[in-house]
N, C-alpha and C. Protein backbone atom coordinates (compact mmCIF):
# COMPACT_ATOMS: atom_id res chain seq x y z
N UNK A 1 78.38 121.69 56.84
CA UNK A 1 77.01 121.27 56.61
C UNK A 1 76.56 121.82 55.24
N UNK A 2 75.91 120.99 54.47
CA UNK A 2 75.43 121.39 53.16
C UNK A 2 74.30 122.39 53.29
N UNK A 3 74.12 123.17 52.27
CA UNK A 3 73.03 124.15 52.24
C UNK A 3 71.71 123.43 52.04
N UNK A 4 70.74 123.74 52.86
CA UNK A 4 69.42 123.14 52.74
C UNK A 4 68.41 124.25 52.46
N UNK A 5 67.54 123.97 51.49
CA UNK A 5 66.53 124.95 51.08
C UNK A 5 65.14 124.41 51.35
N UNK A 6 64.21 125.27 51.73
CA UNK A 6 62.83 124.82 51.93
C UNK A 6 62.17 124.52 50.59
N UNK A 7 61.27 123.54 50.55
CA UNK A 7 60.62 123.19 49.28
C UNK A 7 59.44 124.10 48.95
N UNK A 8 59.69 125.40 48.92
CA UNK A 8 58.63 126.35 48.57
C UNK A 8 58.45 126.36 47.06
N UNK A 9 57.31 126.85 46.57
CA UNK A 9 57.11 126.91 45.12
C UNK A 9 58.20 127.71 44.40
N UNK A 10 58.66 128.81 45.00
CA UNK A 10 59.70 129.61 44.36
C UNK A 10 61.02 128.84 44.25
N UNK A 11 61.39 128.13 45.31
CA UNK A 11 62.63 127.35 45.29
C UNK A 11 62.52 126.21 44.27
N UNK A 12 61.42 125.47 44.34
CA UNK A 12 61.23 124.34 43.41
C UNK A 12 61.21 124.84 41.96
N UNK A 13 60.49 125.92 41.71
CA UNK A 13 60.42 126.46 40.35
C UNK A 13 61.75 126.97 39.84
N UNK A 14 62.64 127.37 40.73
CA UNK A 14 63.93 127.89 40.34
C UNK A 14 65.02 126.85 40.18
N UNK A 15 64.69 125.59 40.47
CA UNK A 15 65.68 124.52 40.33
C UNK A 15 65.96 124.22 38.86
N UNK A 16 67.21 123.99 38.55
CA UNK A 16 67.60 123.57 37.21
C UNK A 16 67.53 122.04 37.18
N UNK A 17 66.31 121.55 37.13
CA UNK A 17 66.04 120.11 37.14
C UNK A 17 64.97 119.80 36.11
N UNK A 18 64.89 118.54 35.73
CA UNK A 18 63.84 118.09 34.85
C UNK A 18 62.48 118.31 35.52
N UNK A 19 61.46 118.49 34.71
CA UNK A 19 60.10 118.70 35.23
C UNK A 19 59.66 117.55 36.14
N UNK A 20 60.13 116.33 35.87
CA UNK A 20 59.75 115.18 36.71
C UNK A 20 60.22 115.35 38.15
N UNK A 21 61.37 115.96 38.35
CA UNK A 21 61.90 116.20 39.70
C UNK A 21 61.14 117.34 40.36
N UNK A 22 60.89 118.40 39.63
CA UNK A 22 60.12 119.51 40.21
C UNK A 22 58.71 119.04 40.58
N UNK A 23 58.13 118.18 39.76
CA UNK A 23 56.79 117.67 40.03
C UNK A 23 56.77 116.81 41.29
N UNK A 24 57.73 115.91 41.45
CA UNK A 24 57.71 115.05 42.64
C UNK A 24 57.95 115.87 43.90
N UNK A 25 58.78 116.89 43.83
CA UNK A 25 58.99 117.76 45.00
C UNK A 25 57.70 118.49 45.36
N UNK A 26 57.00 118.97 44.36
CA UNK A 26 55.72 119.66 44.60
C UNK A 26 54.71 118.70 45.21
N UNK A 27 54.64 117.49 44.70
CA UNK A 27 53.69 116.49 45.23
C UNK A 27 54.04 116.11 46.67
N UNK A 28 55.34 115.94 46.97
CA UNK A 28 55.74 115.61 48.34
C UNK A 28 55.42 116.77 49.29
N UNK A 29 55.62 118.00 48.82
CA UNK A 29 55.30 119.16 49.65
C UNK A 29 53.81 119.23 49.94
N UNK A 30 52.99 119.00 48.92
CA UNK A 30 51.53 119.01 49.12
C UNK A 30 51.10 117.89 50.07
N UNK A 31 51.76 116.77 49.98
CA UNK A 31 51.38 115.60 50.78
C UNK A 31 51.82 115.74 52.23
N UNK A 32 53.03 116.27 52.46
CA UNK A 32 53.60 116.29 53.81
C UNK A 32 53.74 117.68 54.42
N UNK A 33 53.75 118.72 53.62
CA UNK A 33 53.91 120.07 54.13
C UNK A 33 55.30 120.61 53.87
N UNK A 34 55.41 121.93 53.82
CA UNK A 34 56.66 122.59 53.46
C UNK A 34 57.73 122.41 54.53
N UNK A 35 57.34 122.12 55.76
CA UNK A 35 58.32 121.95 56.85
C UNK A 35 58.78 120.51 57.02
N UNK A 36 58.27 119.60 56.20
CA UNK A 36 58.56 118.18 56.39
C UNK A 36 59.91 117.74 55.84
N UNK A 37 60.47 118.50 54.91
CA UNK A 37 61.77 118.15 54.35
C UNK A 37 62.44 119.39 53.80
N UNK A 38 63.72 119.26 53.53
CA UNK A 38 64.49 120.34 52.92
C UNK A 38 65.22 119.78 51.71
N UNK A 39 65.42 120.62 50.73
CA UNK A 39 66.19 120.23 49.55
C UNK A 39 67.66 120.33 49.93
N UNK A 40 68.35 119.22 49.84
CA UNK A 40 69.78 119.13 50.19
C UNK A 40 70.46 118.43 49.02
N UNK A 41 70.63 119.15 47.96
CA UNK A 41 70.99 118.54 46.69
C UNK A 41 72.49 118.54 46.44
N UNK A 42 73.08 117.36 46.55
CA UNK A 42 74.49 117.18 46.22
C UNK A 42 74.66 116.76 44.76
N UNK A 43 73.58 116.74 44.01
CA UNK A 43 73.60 116.30 42.62
C UNK A 43 73.10 117.42 41.70
N UNK A 44 73.59 118.62 41.91
CA UNK A 44 73.10 119.78 41.17
C UNK A 44 73.23 119.62 39.66
N UNK A 45 74.26 118.94 39.19
CA UNK A 45 74.48 118.77 37.75
C UNK A 45 73.58 117.70 37.14
N UNK A 46 72.97 116.87 37.95
CA UNK A 46 72.10 115.80 37.46
C UNK A 46 70.68 116.33 37.38
N UNK A 47 70.19 116.52 36.16
CA UNK A 47 68.86 117.09 35.97
C UNK A 47 67.73 116.17 36.40
N UNK A 48 68.02 114.88 36.53
CA UNK A 48 66.99 113.89 36.84
C UNK A 48 67.12 113.34 38.26
N UNK A 49 67.83 114.05 39.15
CA UNK A 49 68.02 113.57 40.51
C UNK A 49 67.99 114.75 41.48
N UNK A 50 67.60 114.44 42.71
CA UNK A 50 67.54 115.46 43.77
C UNK A 50 67.80 114.77 45.11
N UNK A 51 68.33 115.53 46.02
CA UNK A 51 68.50 115.06 47.38
C UNK A 51 67.60 115.85 48.30
N UNK A 52 66.95 115.15 49.22
CA UNK A 52 66.14 115.82 50.24
C UNK A 52 66.54 115.25 51.59
N UNK A 53 66.32 116.03 52.62
CA UNK A 53 66.73 115.62 53.96
C UNK A 53 65.68 116.02 54.98
N UNK A 54 65.75 115.36 56.12
CA UNK A 54 64.94 115.73 57.26
C UNK A 54 65.52 117.05 57.80
N UNK A 55 64.72 118.12 57.88
CA UNK A 55 65.29 119.40 58.32
C UNK A 55 65.71 119.42 59.78
N UNK A 56 65.17 118.53 60.58
CA UNK A 56 65.52 118.46 62.00
C UNK A 56 66.68 117.49 62.22
N UNK A 57 66.70 116.42 61.47
CA UNK A 57 67.76 115.42 61.53
C UNK A 57 68.42 115.33 60.15
N UNK A 58 69.25 116.30 59.79
CA UNK A 58 69.80 116.33 58.43
C UNK A 58 70.76 115.19 58.12
N UNK A 59 71.06 114.34 59.09
CA UNK A 59 71.91 113.17 58.83
C UNK A 59 71.18 112.13 57.99
N UNK A 60 69.86 112.23 57.93
CA UNK A 60 69.07 111.32 57.10
C UNK A 60 68.69 112.05 55.83
N UNK A 61 68.92 111.39 54.71
CA UNK A 61 68.51 112.00 53.46
C UNK A 61 68.02 110.94 52.49
N UNK A 62 67.40 111.43 51.44
CA UNK A 62 66.82 110.57 50.42
C UNK A 62 67.25 111.10 49.06
N UNK A 63 67.75 110.20 48.24
CA UNK A 63 68.14 110.52 46.86
C UNK A 63 67.02 110.00 45.99
N UNK A 64 66.50 110.86 45.11
CA UNK A 64 65.41 110.48 44.20
C UNK A 64 65.87 110.74 42.77
N UNK A 65 65.64 109.75 41.92
CA UNK A 65 66.00 109.90 40.51
C UNK A 65 64.85 109.43 39.63
N UNK A 66 64.73 110.09 38.48
CA UNK A 66 63.74 109.70 37.47
C UNK A 66 64.41 109.34 36.15
N UNK A 67 65.71 109.27 36.14
CA UNK A 67 66.47 109.05 34.90
C UNK A 67 66.09 107.73 34.24
N UNK A 68 65.68 107.84 32.98
CA UNK A 68 65.31 106.68 32.14
C UNK A 68 64.20 105.82 32.75
N UNK A 69 63.32 106.44 33.51
CA UNK A 69 62.18 105.73 34.09
C UNK A 69 60.90 106.25 33.46
N UNK A 70 59.89 105.41 33.46
CA UNK A 70 58.58 105.81 32.94
C UNK A 70 58.03 106.96 33.80
N UNK A 71 57.19 107.76 33.21
CA UNK A 71 56.57 108.86 33.95
C UNK A 71 55.87 108.32 35.19
N UNK A 72 56.12 108.98 36.34
CA UNK A 72 55.50 108.55 37.59
C UNK A 72 56.22 107.42 38.28
N UNK A 73 57.40 107.06 37.81
CA UNK A 73 58.19 106.00 38.41
C UNK A 73 59.48 106.60 38.96
N UNK A 74 59.92 106.09 40.13
CA UNK A 74 61.06 106.69 40.82
C UNK A 74 62.03 105.63 41.32
N UNK A 75 63.30 106.01 41.32
CA UNK A 75 64.36 105.25 41.97
C UNK A 75 64.72 106.07 43.20
N UNK A 76 64.93 105.41 44.34
CA UNK A 76 65.38 106.18 45.49
C UNK A 76 66.35 105.37 46.34
N UNK A 77 67.23 106.11 46.97
CA UNK A 77 68.14 105.55 47.96
C UNK A 77 67.94 106.31 49.26
N UNK A 78 67.89 105.57 50.34
CA UNK A 78 67.80 106.15 51.67
C UNK A 78 69.19 106.11 52.26
N UNK A 79 69.64 107.25 52.74
CA UNK A 79 71.02 107.36 53.20
C UNK A 79 71.08 107.93 54.61
N UNK A 80 72.13 107.54 55.31
CA UNK A 80 72.41 108.07 56.65
C UNK A 80 73.86 108.51 56.67
N UNK A 81 74.10 109.69 57.22
CA UNK A 81 75.45 110.22 57.30
C UNK A 81 76.31 109.32 58.19
N UNK A 82 77.54 109.09 57.77
CA UNK A 82 78.45 108.27 58.57
C UNK A 82 79.20 109.14 59.57
N UNK A 83 79.91 108.48 60.46
CA UNK A 83 80.69 109.19 61.46
C UNK A 83 81.87 109.91 60.81
N UNK A 84 82.31 110.97 61.43
CA UNK A 84 83.44 111.73 60.92
C UNK A 84 84.65 110.81 60.81
N UNK A 85 85.40 110.97 59.73
CA UNK A 85 86.59 110.15 59.50
C UNK A 85 86.32 108.93 58.64
N UNK A 86 85.06 108.67 58.33
CA UNK A 86 84.72 107.54 57.48
C UNK A 86 85.14 107.83 56.04
N UNK A 87 85.38 106.78 55.28
CA UNK A 87 85.78 106.93 53.88
C UNK A 87 84.67 107.53 53.02
N UNK A 88 83.42 107.29 53.41
CA UNK A 88 82.27 107.77 52.64
C UNK A 88 81.39 108.62 53.55
N UNK A 89 80.85 109.73 53.02
CA UNK A 89 80.04 110.61 53.88
C UNK A 89 78.68 110.02 54.25
N UNK A 90 78.16 109.11 53.41
CA UNK A 90 76.85 108.52 53.66
C UNK A 90 76.89 107.02 53.39
N UNK A 91 76.03 106.30 54.08
CA UNK A 91 75.85 104.88 53.82
C UNK A 91 74.41 104.68 53.37
N UNK A 92 74.23 103.84 52.36
CA UNK A 92 72.89 103.54 51.84
C UNK A 92 72.26 102.48 52.74
N UNK A 93 71.09 102.81 53.28
CA UNK A 93 70.38 101.88 54.17
C UNK A 93 69.11 101.33 53.52
N UNK A 94 68.82 101.80 52.32
CA UNK A 94 67.67 101.30 51.58
C UNK A 94 67.76 101.73 50.13
N UNK A 95 67.34 100.85 49.24
CA UNK A 95 67.40 101.16 47.81
C UNK A 95 66.14 100.58 47.17
N UNK A 96 65.46 101.41 46.39
CA UNK A 96 64.20 100.99 45.76
C UNK A 96 64.19 101.41 44.30
N UNK A 97 63.80 100.50 43.43
CA UNK A 97 63.72 100.78 42.00
C UNK A 97 62.27 100.74 41.54
N UNK A 98 61.94 101.61 40.62
CA UNK A 98 60.63 101.64 39.98
C UNK A 98 59.47 101.75 40.97
N UNK A 99 59.62 102.63 41.95
CA UNK A 99 58.52 102.91 42.87
C UNK A 99 57.51 103.81 42.19
N UNK A 100 56.23 103.62 42.49
CA UNK A 100 55.25 104.62 42.09
C UNK A 100 55.23 105.69 43.19
N UNK A 101 54.41 106.71 43.02
CA UNK A 101 54.43 107.81 43.98
C UNK A 101 54.04 107.34 45.38
N UNK A 102 53.06 106.47 45.49
CA UNK A 102 52.64 105.99 46.82
C UNK A 102 53.75 105.19 47.50
N UNK A 103 54.52 104.42 46.73
CA UNK A 103 55.67 103.72 47.29
C UNK A 103 56.74 104.68 47.75
N UNK A 104 56.94 105.74 46.99
CA UNK A 104 57.90 106.77 47.38
C UNK A 104 57.45 107.46 48.67
N UNK A 105 56.15 107.70 48.80
CA UNK A 105 55.59 108.31 50.01
C UNK A 105 55.89 107.46 51.23
N UNK A 106 55.73 106.15 51.12
CA UNK A 106 56.00 105.25 52.23
C UNK A 106 57.48 105.31 52.62
N UNK A 107 58.36 105.23 51.63
CA UNK A 107 59.80 105.30 51.92
C UNK A 107 60.16 106.64 52.55
N UNK A 108 59.59 107.71 52.04
CA UNK A 108 59.82 109.07 52.56
C UNK A 108 59.39 109.15 54.02
N UNK A 109 58.18 108.73 54.30
CA UNK A 109 57.64 108.83 55.67
C UNK A 109 58.45 107.98 56.65
N UNK A 110 58.80 106.78 56.26
CA UNK A 110 59.54 105.90 57.16
C UNK A 110 60.97 106.39 57.40
N UNK A 111 61.62 106.86 56.36
CA UNK A 111 63.03 107.25 56.51
C UNK A 111 63.20 108.65 57.09
N UNK A 112 62.41 109.58 56.59
CA UNK A 112 62.57 110.96 57.04
C UNK A 112 61.68 111.31 58.23
N UNK A 113 60.81 110.38 58.60
CA UNK A 113 60.01 110.56 59.81
C UNK A 113 58.91 111.60 59.70
N UNK A 114 58.34 111.74 58.53
CA UNK A 114 57.26 112.72 58.36
C UNK A 114 55.91 112.02 58.38
N UNK A 115 54.91 112.76 58.86
CA UNK A 115 53.55 112.25 58.90
C UNK A 115 52.85 112.53 57.58
N UNK A 116 52.23 111.49 57.04
CA UNK A 116 51.48 111.61 55.80
C UNK A 116 50.16 112.31 56.10
N UNK A 117 49.96 113.46 55.49
CA UNK A 117 48.72 114.21 55.71
C UNK A 117 47.66 113.84 54.68
N UNK A 118 47.98 112.81 53.85
CA UNK A 118 47.02 112.28 52.89
C UNK A 118 46.73 113.20 51.79
């Protein structure tokens, strides 16, 4: 199982990521709460991407990227872990390009099962 970290200010601030990624993590934490997701980053070398997962159902995760996108715009993939023995560890069940933050919130809530606290 991959290491999952809580999206606390100290963890987010300590990430070696572009400010756009740290900002979206902070906004998602403020919107949904610190217990609503965990940082599960399989893309540590990519400064413009992050992985987050449902802390209760870690088989569901969301890949978020800001690479070469306008400020406030996001690319995301919704992924589900495959069965053991599969050729690929995850299957993409949703892909969205150029989402604004509110669109990202909808994808986040629907895929990771978190309640929007507005």
